[in-house]
Amino acid sequence: MSLLRYEDLSISFGVGRREKFAVNQLNLEIGRGERVALVGESGSGKTLTALAPLRLEPEGAKVSGKILWNPDGHQDPVDLLSLSIEDIRRIRGREIAMVFQEPMTALNPLFTIGNQIIEAVQIDQPLLSKAECINAAVNLLRKTGIPEPERRFYSYPHQLSGGQRQRAMIAMALACKPRLLIADEPTTALDVSLRLQILDLLKELQEESSEQGMGILLITHDLNLVKH
């Protein structure tokens, strides 16, 4: 049984003769514990496909079809496109997390990396003490391979390298133990060796969550990454 299933998803802009389809009747299924790569050139609608389950598509986009979400496996799936934005906000981060393409725009430059991860930890475990939240955030940084996590906890995004910022984004995404991780071009701004490291990291983290069965949807334009 699938974790997330797109059924005839279409996303278009404009009306009448000016209507243009960025995504046209896409069908795609992601199972529990499965890694699925969506590969295509720039402008092919990959990112719109990634944003649609969380209802983050840009203003003016018309979305049709179904996106069926079934995190438990023993209940009827829910069509994410039929939910209110308030209901979708409860799913964002907690059940479906996203690693965005450019961490410098996704991370808040005014807050330390540690504080931003703590905020995500508190969403999942609101009763934790401040000390426990700090410990959880440091452990997430350590798990994602950031050196000296206790020190980097107090760093601001601009003080980290591109690879470290991407790892921090992954740490934030994993803080709520999501059932599905959507990674939108997570290696675009990195050199080849770092790209492979990030992909290996995602695989390792998925294997660690084998009991939970976290699925991964990887968005990329690089077919070589998929072969890796």
Protein backbone atom coordinates (compact mmCIF):
# COMPACT_ATOMS: atom_id res chain seq x y z
CA MET A 1 0.00 0.00 0.00
CA SER A 2 1.31 3.42 -0.94
CA LEU A 3 2.33 6.17 1.44
CA LEU A 4 1.65 8.97 -1.05
CA ARG A 5 -0.02 8.63 -4.43
CA TYR A 6 -0.53 11.26 -7.12
CA GLU A 7 -3.55 10.54 -9.30
CA ASP A 8 -3.89 12.54 -12.52
CA LEU A 9 -2.26 15.59 -10.95
CA SER A 10 -2.37 18.65 -13.18
CA ILE A 11 -1.05 22.13 -12.41
CA SER A 12 -1.69 24.99 -14.80
CA PHE A 13 -1.46 28.75 -15.05
CA GLY A 14 -3.62 31.20 -16.98
CA VAL A 15 -7.14 30.82 -18.37
CA GLY A 16 -8.70 29.95 -21.67
CA ARG A 17 -6.32 29.91 -24.61
CA ARG A 18 -3.58 31.24 -22.36
CA GLU A 19 -3.73 28.31 -19.98
CA LYS A 20 -0.42 26.47 -19.81
CA PHE A 21 0.15 23.18 -18.03
CA ALA A 22 3.31 22.83 -15.96
CA VAL A 23 2.20 19.36 -14.84
CA ASN A 24 -0.30 17.35 -16.89
CA GLN A 25 -2.01 14.25 -15.46
CA LEU A 26 0.91 12.95 -13.43
CA ASN A 27 0.57 9.56 -11.76
CA LEU A 28 3.20 8.64 -9.19
CA GLU A 29 3.31 6.41 -6.12
CA ILE A 30 5.70 6.35 -3.14
CA GLY A 31 5.64 3.39 -0.77
CA ARG A 32 6.74 3.14 2.84
CA GLY A 33 10.51 2.97 3.11
CA GLU A 34 10.85 3.60 -0.62
CA ARG A 35 13.05 6.12 -2.42
CA VAL A 36 11.56 7.58 -5.58
CA ALA A 37 13.42 10.00 -7.86
CA LEU A 38 11.58 12.45 -10.08
CA VAL A 39 14.06 13.44 -12.78
CA GLY A 40 13.58 16.16 -15.39
CA GLU A 41 15.04 19.28 -16.88
CA SER A 42 14.48 22.77 -15.50
CA GLY A 43 10.94 23.98 -16.07
CA SER A 44 9.45 20.50 -16.35
CA GLY A 45 7.24 20.91 -13.27
CA LYS A 46 9.31 18.88 -10.79
CA THR A 47 9.30 21.47 -8.01
CA LEU A 48 5.58 22.18 -8.46
CA THR A 49 4.97 18.46 -8.07
CA ALA A 50 7.02 18.49 -4.85
CA LEU A 51 5.21 21.53 -3.44
CA ALA A 52 1.69 20.33 -4.21
CA PRO A 53 1.25 17.85 -1.30
CA LEU A 54 2.02 20.65 1.17
CA ARG A 55 -0.12 23.14 -0.78
CA LEU A 56 2.81 25.46 -1.31
CA GLU A 57 2.25 26.01 -5.02
CA PRO A 58 2.58 29.66 -6.17
CA GLU A 59 -0.36 32.02 -6.30
CA GLY A 60 -2.37 31.65 -9.49
CA ALA A 61 -1.67 27.93 -9.90
CA LYS A 62 -4.68 25.74 -10.64
CA VAL A 63 -4.32 22.25 -9.21
CA SER A 64 -6.54 19.30 -10.07
CA GLY A 65 -6.49 15.55 -9.59
CA LYS A 66 -5.78 13.86 -6.27
CA ILE A 67 -2.85 13.50 -3.89
CA LEU A 68 -3.71 10.60 -1.58
CA TRP A 69 -1.93 10.44 1.77
CA ASN A 70 -2.02 7.28 3.88
CA PRO A 71 0.61 7.43 6.66
CA ASP A 72 -0.93 4.66 8.79
CA GLY A 73 -1.65 2.14 6.07
CA HIS A 74 -4.77 0.78 7.75
CA GLN A 75 -7.07 3.74 7.15
CA ASP A 76 -8.67 5.20 4.05
CA PRO A 77 -6.26 7.62 2.35
CA VAL A 78 -6.90 11.36 2.61
CA ASP A 79 -6.86 13.59 -0.46
CA LEU A 80 -4.49 16.39 0.53
CA LEU A 81 -6.00 18.67 -2.12
CA SER A 82 -9.37 18.49 -0.37
CA LEU A 83 -8.08 19.55 3.06
CA SER A 84 -8.23 23.06 4.45
CA ILE A 85 -4.98 25.02 4.76
CA GLU A 86 -5.33 24.74 8.53
CA ASP A 87 -5.38 20.94 8.27
CA ILE A 88 -2.43 20.99 5.86
CA ARG A 89 -0.41 23.05 8.35
CA ARG A 90 -0.79 20.21 10.86
CA ILE A 91 0.75 17.84 8.32
CA ARG A 92 3.61 20.11 7.23
CA GLY A 93 6.79 19.17 9.03
CA ARG A 94 5.07 16.67 11.33
CA GLU A 95 4.12 14.07 8.70
CA ILE A 96 5.58 15.41 5.46
CA ALA A 97 8.82 17.37 5.63
CA MET A 98 10.64 19.16 2.84
CA VAL A 99 14.26 20.02 2.17
CA PHE A 100 14.26 23.03 -0.11
CA GLN A 101 16.60 23.66 -2.99
CA GLU A 102 18.41 26.68 -1.54
CA PRO A 103 18.92 26.58 2.25
CA MET A 104 20.03 30.24 2.41
CA THR A 105 16.49 31.29 1.46
CA ALA A 106 14.78 28.59 3.56
CA LEU A 107 16.78 29.23 6.75
CA ASN A 108 16.14 32.37 8.79
CA PRO A 109 19.34 34.47 8.74
CA LEU A 110 18.43 36.15 12.05
CA PHE A 111 18.42 33.00 14.16
CA THR A 112 21.09 30.45 14.92
CA ILE A 113 20.90 27.01 13.35
CA GLY A 114 20.33 25.51 16.79
CA ASN A 115 17.35 27.70 17.59
CA GLN A 116 15.73 26.86 14.27
CA ILE A 117 16.12 23.13 14.87
CA ILE A 118 14.79 23.51 18.43
CA GLU A 119 11.64 25.10 17.03
CA ALA A 120 11.10 22.00 14.89
CA VAL A 121 11.82 19.68 17.84
CA GLN A 122 9.23 21.48 19.98
CA ILE A 123 6.57 20.95 17.33
CA ASP A 124 7.03 17.19 17.70
CA GLN A 125 7.73 17.11 21.45
CA PRO A 126 6.24 20.22 23.10
CA LEU A 127 6.76 18.92 26.65
CA LEU A 128 10.55 18.69 26.43
CA SER A 129 12.58 21.01 28.62
CA LYS A 130 14.90 23.57 27.05
CA ALA A 131 17.94 21.46 27.94
CA GLU A 132 16.36 18.39 26.34
CA CYS A 133 15.53 20.38 23.20
CA ILE A 134 19.12 21.60 22.94
CA ASN A 135 20.40 18.05 23.37
CA ALA A 136 18.00 16.78 20.68
CA ALA A 137 19.07 19.53 18.26
CA VAL A 138 22.78 18.83 18.81
CA ASN A 139 22.16 15.11 18.25
CA LEU A 140 20.39 15.87 14.98
CA LEU A 141 23.33 17.97 13.82
CA ARG A 142 25.67 15.15 14.80
CA LYS A 143 23.53 12.57 13.02
CA THR A 144 23.63 14.59 9.79
CA GLY A 145 27.42 14.73 9.90
CA ILE A 146 28.07 18.35 10.83
CA PRO A 147 31.47 18.61 12.57
CA GLU A 148 31.60 20.06 16.09
CA PRO A 149 27.80 20.08 16.45
CA GLU A 150 27.91 21.64 19.92
CA ARG A 151 29.68 24.67 18.44
CA ARG A 152 27.73 24.79 15.18
CA PHE A 153 24.53 24.85 17.21
CA TYR A 154 25.29 28.54 17.89
CA SER A 155 26.24 29.40 14.29
CA TYR A 156 24.11 31.51 11.97
CA PRO A 157 23.35 30.24 8.45
CA HIS A 158 25.90 32.53 6.79
CA GLN A 159 28.63 31.07 9.01
CA LEU A 160 28.15 27.57 7.57
CA SER A 161 29.37 26.18 4.26
CA GLY A 162 26.86 25.20 1.57
CA GLY A 163 27.12 21.53 2.50
CA GLN A 164 26.68 22.28 6.21
CA ARG A 165 23.62 24.43 5.54
CA GLN A 166 22.07 21.61 3.54
CA ARG A 167 22.78 19.16 6.36
CA ALA A 168 21.23 21.60 8.84
CA MET A 169 18.11 21.75 6.65
CA ILE A 170 17.94 17.96 6.68
CA ALA A 171 18.32 17.97 10.48
CA MET A 172 15.38 20.37 10.76
CA ALA A 173 13.28 18.26 8.41
CA LEU A 174 13.95 15.12 10.46
CA ALA A 175 13.24 16.76 13.84
CA CYS A 176 9.55 15.80 13.71
CA LYS A 177 10.25 12.25 12.50
CA PRO A 178 8.23 12.66 9.28
CA ARG A 179 6.75 9.74 7.38
CA LEU A 180 7.76 11.31 4.05
CA LEU A 181 10.76 13.47 3.22
CA ILE A 182 10.62 15.51 0.00
CA ALA A 183 14.05 16.70 -1.11
CA ASP A 184 13.85 19.31 -3.86
CA GLU A 185 17.20 19.49 -5.68
CA PRO A 186 19.07 19.16 -2.35
CA THR A 187 22.50 19.07 -4.02
CA THR A 188 22.21 21.76 -6.71
CA ALA A 189 24.68 24.26 -5.24
CA LEU A 190 27.22 21.66 -4.11
CA ASP A 191 30.26 20.16 -5.80
CA VAL A 192 30.20 16.55 -6.97
CA SER A 193 31.75 14.99 -3.85
CA LEU A 194 29.35 16.84 -1.54
CA ARG A 195 26.39 15.86 -3.71
CA LEU A 196 27.19 12.19 -3.25
CA GLN A 197 27.70 12.71 0.49
CA ILE A 198 24.24 14.27 0.84
CA LEU A 199 22.62 11.41 -1.08
CA ASP A 200 24.44 8.83 1.04
CA LEU A 201 23.30 10.71 4.15
CA LEU A 202 19.64 10.57 3.05
CA LYS A 203 19.95 6.82 2.45
CA GLU A 204 21.52 6.26 5.87
CA LEU A 205 18.88 8.30 7.67
CA GLN A 206 16.13 6.44 5.85
CA GLU A 207 17.61 3.09 6.84
CA GLU A 208 17.74 4.26 10.48
CA SER A 209 14.00 4.94 10.30
CA SER A 210 13.25 1.49 8.89
CA GLU A 211 10.72 0.71 11.65
CA GLN A 212 8.79 3.86 10.80
CA GLY A 213 9.21 3.30 7.07
CA MET A 214 10.04 6.85 6.01
CA GLY A 215 9.65 7.40 2.28
CA ILE A 216 11.78 9.78 0.24
CA LEU A 217 10.84 11.72 -2.89
CA LEU A 218 14.00 13.09 -4.50
CA ILE A 219 13.59 15.88 -7.06
CA THR A 220 16.58 16.30 -9.36
CA HIS A 221 17.67 17.16 -12.88
CA ASP A 222 20.82 15.04 -12.59
CA LEU A 223 20.33 11.47 -13.77
CA ASN A 224 23.83 10.56 -12.54
CA LEU A 225 22.73 11.18 -8.95
CA VAL A 226 19.89 8.72 -9.36
CA LYS A 227 22.26 6.08 -10.71
CA HIS A 228 24.42 6.60 -7.62
